Amino acid sequence: QWLTPSGLASLYKLMSMVGINAIVFNKLVPIALGLIS
């Protein structure tokens, strides 16, 4: 938790606030990252 960059932690926290837990979001976010790349 201490090691994780603040931007990443904030993004995952935001997703958990809208009902998407970290594990599920972790499996979905690479799709968006791949498209943007």
PDB file of all heavy atoms in Angstrom:
ATOM      1  N   GLN A   1       0.836  -1.202   0.000  1.00  0.00           N
ATOM      2  CA  GLN A   1       0.000   0.000   0.000  1.00  0.00           C
ATOM      3  C   GLN A   1       0.872   1.253   0.000  1.00  0.00           C
ATOM      4  O   GLN A   1       0.592   2.222  -0.710  1.00  0.00           O
ATOM      5  CB  GLN A   1      -0.924   0.001   1.217  1.00  0.00           C
ATOM      6  CG  GLN A   1      -1.850   1.212   1.263  1.00  0.00           C
ATOM      7  CD  GLN A   1      -2.855   1.120   2.399  1.00  0.00           C
ATOM      8  OE1 GLN A   1      -2.971   0.102   3.073  1.00  0.00           O
ATOM      9  NE2 GLN A   1      -3.592   2.200   2.608  1.00  0.00           N
ATOM     10  N   TRP A   2       1.925   1.222   0.799  1.00  0.00           N
ATOM     11  CA  TRP A   2       2.863   2.356   0.840  1.00  0.00           C
ATOM     12  C   TRP A   2       3.606   2.498  -0.483  1.00  0.00           C
ATOM     13  O   TRP A   2       3.910   3.609  -0.926  1.00  0.00           O
ATOM     14  CB  TRP A   2       3.850   2.140   1.981  1.00  0.00           C
ATOM     15  CG  TRP A   2       4.965   3.141   2.012  1.00  0.00           C
ATOM     16  CD1 TRP A   2       4.920   4.405   2.510  1.00  0.00           C
ATOM     17  CD2 TRP A   2       6.285   2.954   1.481  1.00  0.00           C
ATOM     18  NE1 TRP A   2       6.135   5.025   2.337  1.00  0.00           N
ATOM     19  CE2 TRP A   2       6.993   4.164   1.710  1.00  0.00           C
ATOM     20  CE3 TRP A   2       6.933   1.903   0.849  1.00  0.00           C
ATOM     21  CZ2 TRP A   2       8.317   4.329   1.314  1.00  0.00           C
ATOM     22  CZ3 TRP A   2       8.247   2.067   0.452  1.00  0.00           C
ATOM     23  CH2 TRP A   2       8.933   3.265   0.686  1.00  0.00           C
ATOM     24  N   LEU A   3       3.881   1.368  -1.134  1.00  0.00           N
ATOM     25  CA  LEU A   3       4.675   1.361  -2.356  1.00  0.00           C
ATOM     26  C   LEU A   3       3.889   1.813  -3.585  1.00  0.00           C
ATOM     27  O   LEU A   3       4.468   2.317  -4.547  1.00  0.00           O
ATOM     28  CB  LEU A   3       5.216  -0.059  -2.592  1.00  0.00           C
ATOM     29  CG  LEU A   3       6.382  -0.235  -3.569  1.00  0.00           C
ATOM     30  CD1 LEU A   3       7.621   0.477  -3.051  1.00  0.00           C
ATOM     31  CD2 LEU A   3       6.662  -1.730  -3.784  1.00  0.00           C
ATOM     32  N   THR A   4       2.582   1.660  -3.570  1.00  0.00           N
ATOM     33  CA  THR A   4       1.753   1.943  -4.743  1.00  0.00           C
ATOM     34  C   THR A   4       1.685   3.440  -5.030  1.00  0.00           C
ATOM     35  O   THR A   4       1.406   4.239  -4.129  1.00  0.00           O
ATOM     36  CB  THR A   4       0.321   1.409  -4.528  1.00  0.00           C
ATOM     37  OG1 THR A   4       0.383   0.007  -4.252  1.00  0.00           O
ATOM     38  CG2 THR A   4      -0.529   1.637  -5.773  1.00  0.00           C
ATOM     39  N   PRO A   5       1.916   3.857  -6.281  1.00  0.00           N
ATOM     40  CA  PRO A   5       1.808   5.281  -6.640  1.00  0.00           C
ATOM     41  C   PRO A   5       0.414   5.827  -6.340  1.00  0.00           C
ATOM     42  O   PRO A   5      -0.586   5.119  -6.485  1.00  0.00           O
ATOM     43  CB  PRO A   5       2.086   5.276  -8.152  1.00  0.00           C
ATOM     44  CG  PRO A   5       2.892   4.044  -8.392  1.00  0.00           C
ATOM     45  CD  PRO A   5       2.380   3.038  -7.422  1.00  0.00           C
ATOM     46  N   SER A   6       0.365   7.077  -5.938  1.00  0.00           N
ATOM     47  CA  SER A   6      -0.896   7.680  -5.502  1.00  0.00           C
ATOM     48  C   SER A   6      -1.931   7.740  -6.613  1.00  0.00           C
ATOM     49  O   SER A   6      -3.135   7.603  -6.360  1.00  0.00           O
ATOM     50  CB  SER A   6      -0.632   9.083  -4.963  1.00  0.00           C
ATOM     51  OG  SER A   6      -0.008   9.901  -5.956  1.00  0.00           O
ATOM     52  N   GLY A   7      -1.486   7.945  -7.845  1.00  0.00           N
ATOM     53  CA  GLY A   7      -2.432   8.020  -8.956  1.00  0.00           C
ATOM     54  C   GLY A   7      -3.160   6.716  -9.164  1.00  0.00           C
ATOM     55  O   GLY A   7      -4.387   6.686  -9.362  1.00  0.00           O
ATOM     56  N   LEU A   8      -2.422   5.610  -9.108  1.00  0.00           N
ATOM     57  CA  LEU A   8      -3.035   4.295  -9.292  1.00  0.00           C
ATOM     58  C   LEU A   8      -3.990   3.974  -8.156  1.00  0.00           C
ATOM     59  O   LEU A   8      -5.117   3.505  -8.384  1.00  0.00           O
ATOM     60  CB  LEU A   8      -1.946   3.222  -9.380  1.00  0.00           C
ATOM     61  CG  LEU A   8      -2.428   1.818  -9.736  1.00  0.00           C
ATOM     62  CD1 LEU A   8      -2.795   1.745 -11.202  1.00  0.00           C
ATOM     63  CD2 LEU A   8      -1.370   0.770  -9.414  1.00  0.00           C
ATOM     64  N   ALA A   9      -3.565   4.233  -6.932  1.00  0.00           N
ATOM     65  CA  ALA A   9      -4.419   3.960  -5.772  1.00  0.00           C
ATOM     66  C   ALA A   9      -5.703   4.786  -5.834  1.00  0.00           C
ATOM     67  O   ALA A   9      -6.792   4.283  -5.524  1.00  0.00           O
ATOM     68  CB  ALA A   9      -3.657   4.263  -4.484  1.00  0.00           C
ATOM     69  N   SER A  10      -5.593   6.040  -6.244  1.00  0.00           N
ATOM     70  CA  SER A  10      -6.773   6.905  -6.331  1.00  0.00           C
ATOM     71  C   SER A  10      -7.750   6.414  -7.388  1.00  0.00           C
ATOM     72  O   SER A  10      -8.973   6.452  -7.193  1.00  0.00           O
ATOM     73  CB  SER A  10      -6.345   8.341  -6.655  1.00  0.00           C
ATOM     74  OG  SER A  10      -5.506   8.864  -5.644  1.00  0.00           O
ATOM     75  N   LEU A  11      -7.228   5.927  -8.513  1.00  0.00           N
ATOM     76  CA  LEU A  11      -8.087   5.412  -9.587  1.00  0.00           C
ATOM     77  C   LEU A  11      -8.850   4.182  -9.116  1.00  0.00           C
ATOM     78  O   LEU A  11     -10.070   4.078  -9.323  1.00  0.00           O
ATOM     79  CB  LEU A  11      -7.250   5.085 -10.815  1.00  0.00           C
ATOM     80  CG  LEU A  11      -8.012   4.469 -12.006  1.00  0.00           C
ATOM     81  CD1 LEU A  11      -9.087   5.423 -12.514  1.00  0.00           C
ATOM     82  CD2 LEU A  11      -7.047   4.090 -13.120  1.00  0.00           C
ATOM     83  N   TYR A  12      -8.160   3.261  -8.484  1.00  0.00           N
ATOM     84  CA  TYR A  12      -8.820   2.044  -7.993  1.00  0.00           C
ATOM     85  C   TYR A  12      -9.815   2.370  -6.879  1.00  0.00           C
ATOM     86  O   TYR A  12     -10.867   1.731  -6.770  1.00  0.00           O
ATOM     87  CB  TYR A  12      -7.778   1.037  -7.509  1.00  0.00           C
ATOM     88  CG  TYR A  12      -7.225   0.159  -8.608  1.00  0.00           C
ATOM     89  CD1 TYR A  12      -6.228   0.616  -9.457  1.00  0.00           C
ATOM     90  CD2 TYR A  12      -7.717  -1.126  -8.807  1.00  0.00           C
ATOM     91  CE1 TYR A  12      -5.719  -0.187 -10.475  1.00  0.00           C
ATOM     92  CE2 TYR A  12      -7.217  -1.940  -9.811  1.00  0.00           C
ATOM     93  CZ  TYR A  12      -6.219  -1.464 -10.641  1.00  0.00           C
ATOM     94  OH  TYR A  12      -5.730  -2.267 -11.651  1.00  0.00           O
ATOM     95  N   LYS A  13      -9.488   3.335  -6.062  1.00  0.00           N
ATOM     96  CA  LYS A  13     -10.411   3.737  -4.999  1.00  0.00           C
ATOM     97  C   LYS A  13     -11.677   4.346  -5.585  1.00  0.00           C
ATOM     98  O   LYS A  13     -12.788   4.069  -5.113  1.00  0.00           O
ATOM     99  CB  LYS A  13      -9.741   4.745  -4.064  1.00  0.00           C
ATOM    100  CG  LYS A  13     -10.592   5.127  -2.864  1.00  0.00           C
ATOM    101  CD  LYS A  13      -9.831   6.042  -1.914  1.00  0.00           C
ATOM    102  CE  LYS A  13     -10.676   6.360  -0.689  1.00  0.00           C
ATOM    103  NZ  LYS A  13      -9.938   7.229   0.283  1.00  0.00           N
ATOM    104  N   LEU A  14     -11.511   5.141  -6.640  1.00  0.00           N
ATOM    105  CA  LEU A  14     -12.670   5.731  -7.310  1.00  0.00           C
ATOM    106  C   LEU A  14     -13.569   4.650  -7.884  1.00  0.00           C
ATOM    107  O   LEU A  14     -14.801   4.731  -7.784  1.00  0.00           O
ATOM    108  CB  LEU A  14     -12.189   6.676  -8.421  1.00  0.00           C
ATOM    109  CG  LEU A  14     -13.282   7.338  -9.264  1.00  0.00           C
ATOM    110  CD1 LEU A  14     -14.159   8.236  -8.392  1.00  0.00           C
ATOM    111  CD2 LEU A  14     -12.660   8.151 -10.401  1.00  0.00           C
ATOM    112  N   MET A  15     -12.957   3.623  -8.489  1.00  0.00           N
ATOM    113  CA  MET A  15     -13.744   2.530  -9.061  1.00  0.00           C
ATOM    114  C   MET A  15     -14.492   1.757  -7.978  1.00  0.00           C
ATOM    115  O   MET A  15     -15.638   1.339  -8.181  1.00  0.00           O
ATOM    116  CB  MET A  15     -12.830   1.591  -9.843  1.00  0.00           C
ATOM    117  CG  MET A  15     -12.263   2.172 -11.113  1.00  0.00           C
ATOM    118  SD  MET A  15     -13.547   2.647 -12.323  1.00  0.00           S
ATOM    119  CE  MET A  15     -13.527   4.443 -12.124  1.00  0.00           C
ATOM    120  N   SER A  16     -13.843   1.578  -6.827  1.00  0.00           N
ATOM    121  CA  SER A  16     -14.522   0.864  -5.740  1.00  0.00           C
ATOM    122  C   SER A  16     -15.710   1.664  -5.212  1.00  0.00           C
ATOM    123  O   SER A  16     -16.702   1.092  -4.761  1.00  0.00           O
ATOM    124  CB  SER A  16     -13.535   0.575  -4.605  1.00  0.00           C
ATOM    125  OG  SER A  16     -13.136   1.771  -3.942  1.00  0.00           O
ATOM    126  N   MET A  17     -15.617   2.973  -5.298  1.00  0.00           N
ATOM    127  CA  MET A  17     -16.710   3.835  -4.841  1.00  0.00           C
ATOM    128  C   MET A  17     -17.938   3.720  -5.735  1.00  0.00           C
ATOM    129  O   MET A  17     -19.059   3.962  -5.294  1.00  0.00           O
ATOM    130  CB  MET A  17     -16.241   5.287  -4.771  1.00  0.00           C
ATOM    131  CG  MET A  17     -15.213   5.549  -3.675  1.00  0.00           C
ATOM    132  SD  MET A  17     -14.506   7.227  -3.731  1.00  0.00           S
ATOM    133  CE  MET A  17     -15.950   8.229  -3.429  1.00  0.00           C
ATOM    134  N   VAL A  18     -17.729   3.347  -6.997  1.00  0.00           N
ATOM    135  CA  VAL A  18     -18.869   3.170  -7.912  1.00  0.00           C
ATOM    136  C   VAL A  18     -19.275   1.706  -8.026  1.00  0.00           C
ATOM    137  O   VAL A  18     -20.078   1.348  -8.883  1.00  0.00           O
ATOM    138  CB  VAL A  18     -18.547   3.745  -9.315  1.00  0.00           C
ATOM    139  CG1 VAL A  18     -18.279   5.230  -9.238  1.00  0.00           C
ATOM    140  CG2 VAL A  18     -17.368   3.015  -9.948  1.00  0.00           C
ATOM    141  N   GLY A  19     -18.701   0.862  -7.166  1.00  0.00           N
ATOM    142  CA  GLY A  19     -19.145  -0.523  -7.091  1.00  0.00           C
ATOM    143  C   GLY A  19     -18.311  -1.539  -7.838  1.00  0.00           C
ATOM    144  O   GLY A  19     -18.718  -2.697  -7.969  1.00  0.00           O
ATOM    145  N   ILE A  20     -17.140  -1.141  -8.360  1.00  0.00           N
ATOM    146  CA  ILE A  20     -16.272  -2.083  -9.078  1.00  0.00           C
ATOM    147  C   ILE A  20     -15.072  -2.387  -8.189  1.00  0.00           C
ATOM    148  O   ILE A  20     -14.241  -1.510  -7.956  1.00  0.00           O
ATOM    149  CB  ILE A  20     -15.794  -1.505 -10.421  1.00  0.00           C
ATOM    150  CG1 ILE A  20     -16.989  -1.066 -11.279  1.00  0.00           C
ATOM    151  CG2 ILE A  20     -14.957  -2.531 -11.184  1.00  0.00           C
ATOM    152  CD1 ILE A  20     -16.588  -0.377 -12.570  1.00  0.00           C
ATOM    153  N   ASN A  21     -14.990  -3.622  -7.693  1.00  0.00           N
ATOM    154  CA  ASN A  21     -13.883  -3.931  -6.792  1.00  0.00           C
ATOM    155  C   ASN A  21     -12.562  -4.015  -7.537  1.00  0.00           C
ATOM    156  O   ASN A  21     -12.523  -4.115  -8.756  1.00  0.00           O
ATOM    157  CB  ASN A  21     -14.157  -5.209  -5.981  1.00  0.00           C
ATOM    158  CG  ASN A  21     -14.082  -6.462  -6.823  1.00  0.00           C
ATOM    159  OD1 ASN A  21     -13.082  -6.752  -7.477  1.00  0.00           O
ATOM    160  ND2 ASN A  21     -15.161  -7.245  -6.795  1.00  0.00           N
ATOM    161  N   ALA A  22     -11.477  -4.005  -6.793  1.00  0.00           N
ATOM    162  CA  ALA A  22     -10.144  -3.881  -7.376  1.00  0.00           C
ATOM    163  C   ALA A  22      -9.796  -5.032  -8.311  1.00  0.00           C
ATOM    164  O   ALA A  22      -9.165  -4.826  -9.357  1.00  0.00           O
ATOM    165  CB  ALA A  22      -9.105  -3.785  -6.258  1.00  0.00           C
ATOM    166  N   ILE A  23     -10.194  -6.254  -7.966  1.00  0.00           N
ATOM    167  CA  ILE A  23      -9.844  -7.411  -8.781  1.00  0.00           C
ATOM    168  C   ILE A  23     -10.539  -7.354 -10.139  1.00  0.00           C
ATOM    169  O   ILE A  23      -9.920  -7.606 -11.182  1.00  0.00           O
ATOM    170  CB  ILE A  23     -10.200  -8.724  -8.052  1.00  0.00           C
ATOM    171  CG1 ILE A  23      -9.482  -8.798  -6.704  1.00  0.00           C
ATOM    172  CG2 ILE A  23      -9.829  -9.926  -8.917  1.00  0.00           C
ATOM    173  CD1 ILE A  23      -7.982  -8.751  -6.796  1.00  0.00           C
ATOM    174  N   VAL A  24     -11.810  -7.027 -10.138  1.00  0.00           N
ATOM    175  CA  VAL A  24     -12.563  -6.937 -11.398  1.00  0.00           C
ATOM    176  C   VAL A  24     -12.029  -5.795 -12.258  1.00  0.00           C
ATOM    177  O   VAL A  24     -11.811  -5.954 -13.465  1.00  0.00           O
ATOM    178  CB  VAL A  24     -14.070  -6.742 -11.128  1.00  0.00           C
ATOM    179  CG1 VAL A  24     -14.825  -6.502 -12.432  1.00  0.00           C
ATOM    180  CG2 VAL A  24     -14.637  -7.959 -10.403  1.00  0.00           C
ATOM    181  N   PHE A  25     -11.818  -4.646 -11.645  1.00  0.00           N
ATOM    182  CA  PHE A  25     -11.299  -3.501 -12.403  1.00  0.00           C
ATOM    183  C   PHE A  25      -9.918  -3.795 -12.963  1.00  0.00           C
ATOM    184  O   PHE A  25      -9.580  -3.374 -14.071  1.00  0.00           O
ATOM    185  CB  PHE A  25     -11.253  -2.268 -11.508  1.00  0.00           C
ATOM    186  CG  PHE A  25     -10.780  -1.036 -12.219  1.00  0.00           C
ATOM    187  CD1 PHE A  25     -11.523  -0.476 -13.237  1.00  0.00           C
ATOM    188  CD2 PHE A  25      -9.571  -0.432 -11.872  1.00  0.00           C
ATOM    189  CE1 PHE A  25     -11.084   0.658 -13.912  1.00  0.00           C
ATOM    190  CE2 PHE A  25      -9.130   0.696 -12.529  1.00  0.00           C
ATOM    191  CZ  PHE A  25      -9.884   1.249 -13.554  1.00  0.00           C
ATOM    192  N   ASN A  26      -9.122  -4.538 -12.196  1.00  0.00           N
ATOM    193  CA  ASN A  26      -7.786  -4.902 -12.652  1.00  0.00           C
ATOM    194  C   ASN A  26      -7.825  -5.728 -13.935  1.00  0.00           C
ATOM    195  O   ASN A  26      -6.906  -5.665 -14.755  1.00  0.00           O
ATOM    196  CB  ASN A  26      -7.067  -5.692 -11.547  1.00  0.00           C
ATOM    197  CG  ASN A  26      -5.719  -6.200 -11.971  1.00  0.00           C
ATOM    198  OD1 ASN A  26      -5.558  -7.385 -12.263  1.00  0.00           O
ATOM    199  ND2 ASN A  26      -4.745  -5.314 -12.042  1.00  0.00           N
ATOM    200  N   LYS A  27      -8.893  -6.502 -14.124  1.00  0.00           N
ATOM    201  CA  LYS A  27      -9.026  -7.317 -15.325  1.00  0.00           C
ATOM    202  C   LYS A  27      -9.602  -6.529 -16.500  1.00  0.00           C
ATOM    203  O   LYS A  27      -9.458  -6.933 -17.654  1.00  0.00           O
ATOM    204  CB  LYS A  27      -9.914  -8.530 -15.043  1.00  0.00           C
ATOM    205  CG  LYS A  27      -9.331  -9.485 -14.006  1.00  0.00           C
ATOM    206  CD  LYS A  27     -10.258 -10.653 -13.734  1.00  0.00           C
ATOM    207  CE  LYS A  27      -9.651 -11.599 -12.693  1.00  0.00           C
ATOM    208  NZ  LYS A  27     -10.525 -12.785 -12.444  1.00  0.00           N
ATOM    209  N   LEU A  28     -10.238  -5.411 -16.209  1.00  0.00           N
ATOM    210  CA  LEU A  28     -10.868  -4.604 -17.258  1.00  0.00           C
ATOM    211  C   LEU A  28      -9.987  -3.460 -17.748  1.00  0.00           C
ATOM    212  O   LEU A  28     -10.020  -3.109 -18.932  1.00  0.00           O
ATOM    213  CB  LEU A  28     -12.197  -4.037 -16.755  1.00  0.00           C
ATOM    214  CG  LEU A  28     -13.303  -5.041 -16.430  1.00  0.00           C
ATOM    215  CD1 LEU A  28     -14.501  -4.330 -15.822  1.00  0.00           C
ATOM    216  CD2 LEU A  28     -13.728  -5.800 -17.684  1.00  0.00           C
ATOM    217  N   VAL A  29      -9.199  -2.886 -16.849  1.00  0.00           N
ATOM    218  CA  VAL A  29      -8.433  -1.691 -17.197  1.00  0.00           C
ATOM    219  C   VAL A  29      -7.423  -1.918 -18.315  1.00  0.00           C
ATOM    220  O   VAL A  29      -7.161  -0.992 -19.108  1.00  0.00           O
ATOM    221  CB  VAL A  29      -7.758  -1.093 -15.941  1.00  0.00           C
ATOM    222  CG1 VAL A  29      -6.620  -1.961 -15.452  1.00  0.00           C
ATOM    223  CG2 VAL A  29      -7.267   0.323 -16.213  1.00  0.00           C
ATOM    224  N   PRO A  30      -6.819  -3.119 -18.488  1.00  0.00           N
ATOM    225  CA  PRO A  30      -5.884  -3.295 -19.598  1.00  0.00           C
ATOM    226  C   PRO A  30      -6.502  -3.063 -20.971  1.00  0.00           C
ATOM    227  O   PRO A  30      -5.795  -2.663 -21.903  1.00  0.00           O
ATOM    228  CB  PRO A  30      -5.421  -4.754 -19.445  1.00  0.00           C
ATOM    229  CG  PRO A  30      -5.558  -5.037 -17.989  1.00  0.00           C
ATOM    230  CD  PRO A  30      -6.794  -4.303 -17.588  1.00  0.00           C
ATOM    231  N   ILE A  31      -7.802  -3.278 -21.102  1.00  0.00           N
ATOM    232  CA  ILE A  31      -8.466  -3.039 -22.389  1.00  0.00           C
ATOM    233  C   ILE A  31      -8.385  -1.560 -22.749  1.00  0.00           C
ATOM    234  O   ILE A  31      -8.029  -1.192 -23.875  1.00  0.00           O
ATOM    235  CB  ILE A  31      -9.939  -3.484 -22.323  1.00  0.00           C
ATOM    236  CG1 ILE A  31     -10.033  -4.944 -21.912  1.00  0.00           C
ATOM    237  CG2 ILE A  31     -10.631  -3.257 -23.664  1.00  0.00           C
ATOM    238  CD1 ILE A  31     -11.442  -5.398 -21.615  1.00  0.00           C
ATOM    239  N   ALA A  32      -8.722  -0.706 -21.773  1.00  0.00           N
ATOM    240  CA  ALA A  32      -8.654   0.739 -22.007  1.00  0.00           C
ATOM    241  C   ALA A  32      -7.218   1.184 -22.245  1.00  0.00           C
ATOM    242  O   ALA A  32      -6.952   2.000 -23.145  1.00  0.00           O
ATOM    243  CB  ALA A  32      -9.250   1.486 -20.812  1.00  0.00           C
ATOM    244  N   LEU A  33      -6.292   0.637 -21.479  1.00  0.00           N
ATOM    245  CA  LEU A  33      -4.878   1.002 -21.649  1.00  0.00           C
ATOM    246  C   LEU A  33      -4.375   0.605 -23.031  1.00  0.00           C
ATOM    247  O   LEU A  33      -3.621   1.348 -23.669  1.00  0.00           O
ATOM    248  CB  LEU A  33      -4.028   0.329 -20.573  1.00  0.00           C
ATOM    249  CG  LEU A  33      -4.322   0.715 -19.119  1.00  0.00           C
ATOM    250  CD1 LEU A  33      -3.421  -0.054 -18.173  1.00  0.00           C
ATOM    251  CD2 LEU A  33      -4.153   2.218 -18.923  1.00  0.00           C
ATOM    252  N   GLY A  34      -4.790  -0.572 -23.509  1.00  0.00           N
ATOM    253  CA  GLY A  34      -4.382  -1.022 -24.834  1.00  0.00           C
ATOM    254  C   GLY A  34      -4.938  -0.147 -25.938  1.00  0.00           C
ATOM    255  O   GLY A  34      -4.230   0.192 -26.891  1.00  0.00           O
ATOM    256  N   LEU A  35      -6.200   0.240 -25.805  1.00  0.00           N
ATOM    257  CA  LEU A  35      -6.823   1.106 -26.822  1.00  0.00           C
ATOM    258  C   LEU A  35      -6.170   2.487 -26.853  1.00  0.00           C
ATOM    259  O   LEU A  35      -5.879   3.017 -27.930  1.00  0.00           O
ATOM    260  CB  LEU A  35      -8.321   1.239 -26.543  1.00  0.00           C
ATOM    261  CG  LEU A  35      -9.192   0.043 -26.915  1.00  0.00           C
ATOM    262  CD1 LEU A  35     -10.618   0.247 -26.402  1.00  0.00           C
ATOM    263  CD2 LEU A  35      -9.209  -0.159 -28.437  1.00  0.00           C
ATOM    264  N   ILE A  36      -5.938   3.066 -25.687  1.00  0.00           N
ATOM    265  CA  ILE A  36      -5.311   4.389 -25.632  1.00  0.00           C
ATOM    266  C   ILE A  36      -3.892   4.334 -26.192  1.00  0.00           C
ATOM    267  O   ILE A  36      -3.459   5.227 -26.928  1.00  0.00           O
ATOM    268  CB  ILE A  36      -5.309   4.917 -24.187  1.00  0.00           C
ATOM    269  CG1 ILE A  36      -6.741   5.120 -23.700  1.00  0.00           C
ATOM    270  CG2 ILE A  36      -4.539   6.232 -24.096  1.00  0.00           C
ATOM    271  CD1 ILE A  36      -6.845   5.449 -22.223  1.00  0.00           C
ATOM    272  N   SER A  37      -3.161   3.273 -25.847  1.00  0.00           N
ATOM    273  CA  SER A  37      -1.802   3.106 -26.376  1.00  0.00           C
ATOM    274  C   SER A  37      -1.818   3.007 -27.890  1.00  0.00           C
ATOM    275  O   SER A  37      -0.966   3.597 -28.574  1.00  0.00           O
ATOM    276  CB  SER A  37      -1.158   1.851 -25.781  1.00  0.00           C
ATOM    277  OG  SER A  37      -1.041   1.937 -24.385  1.00  0.00           O
TER     278      SER A  37
END
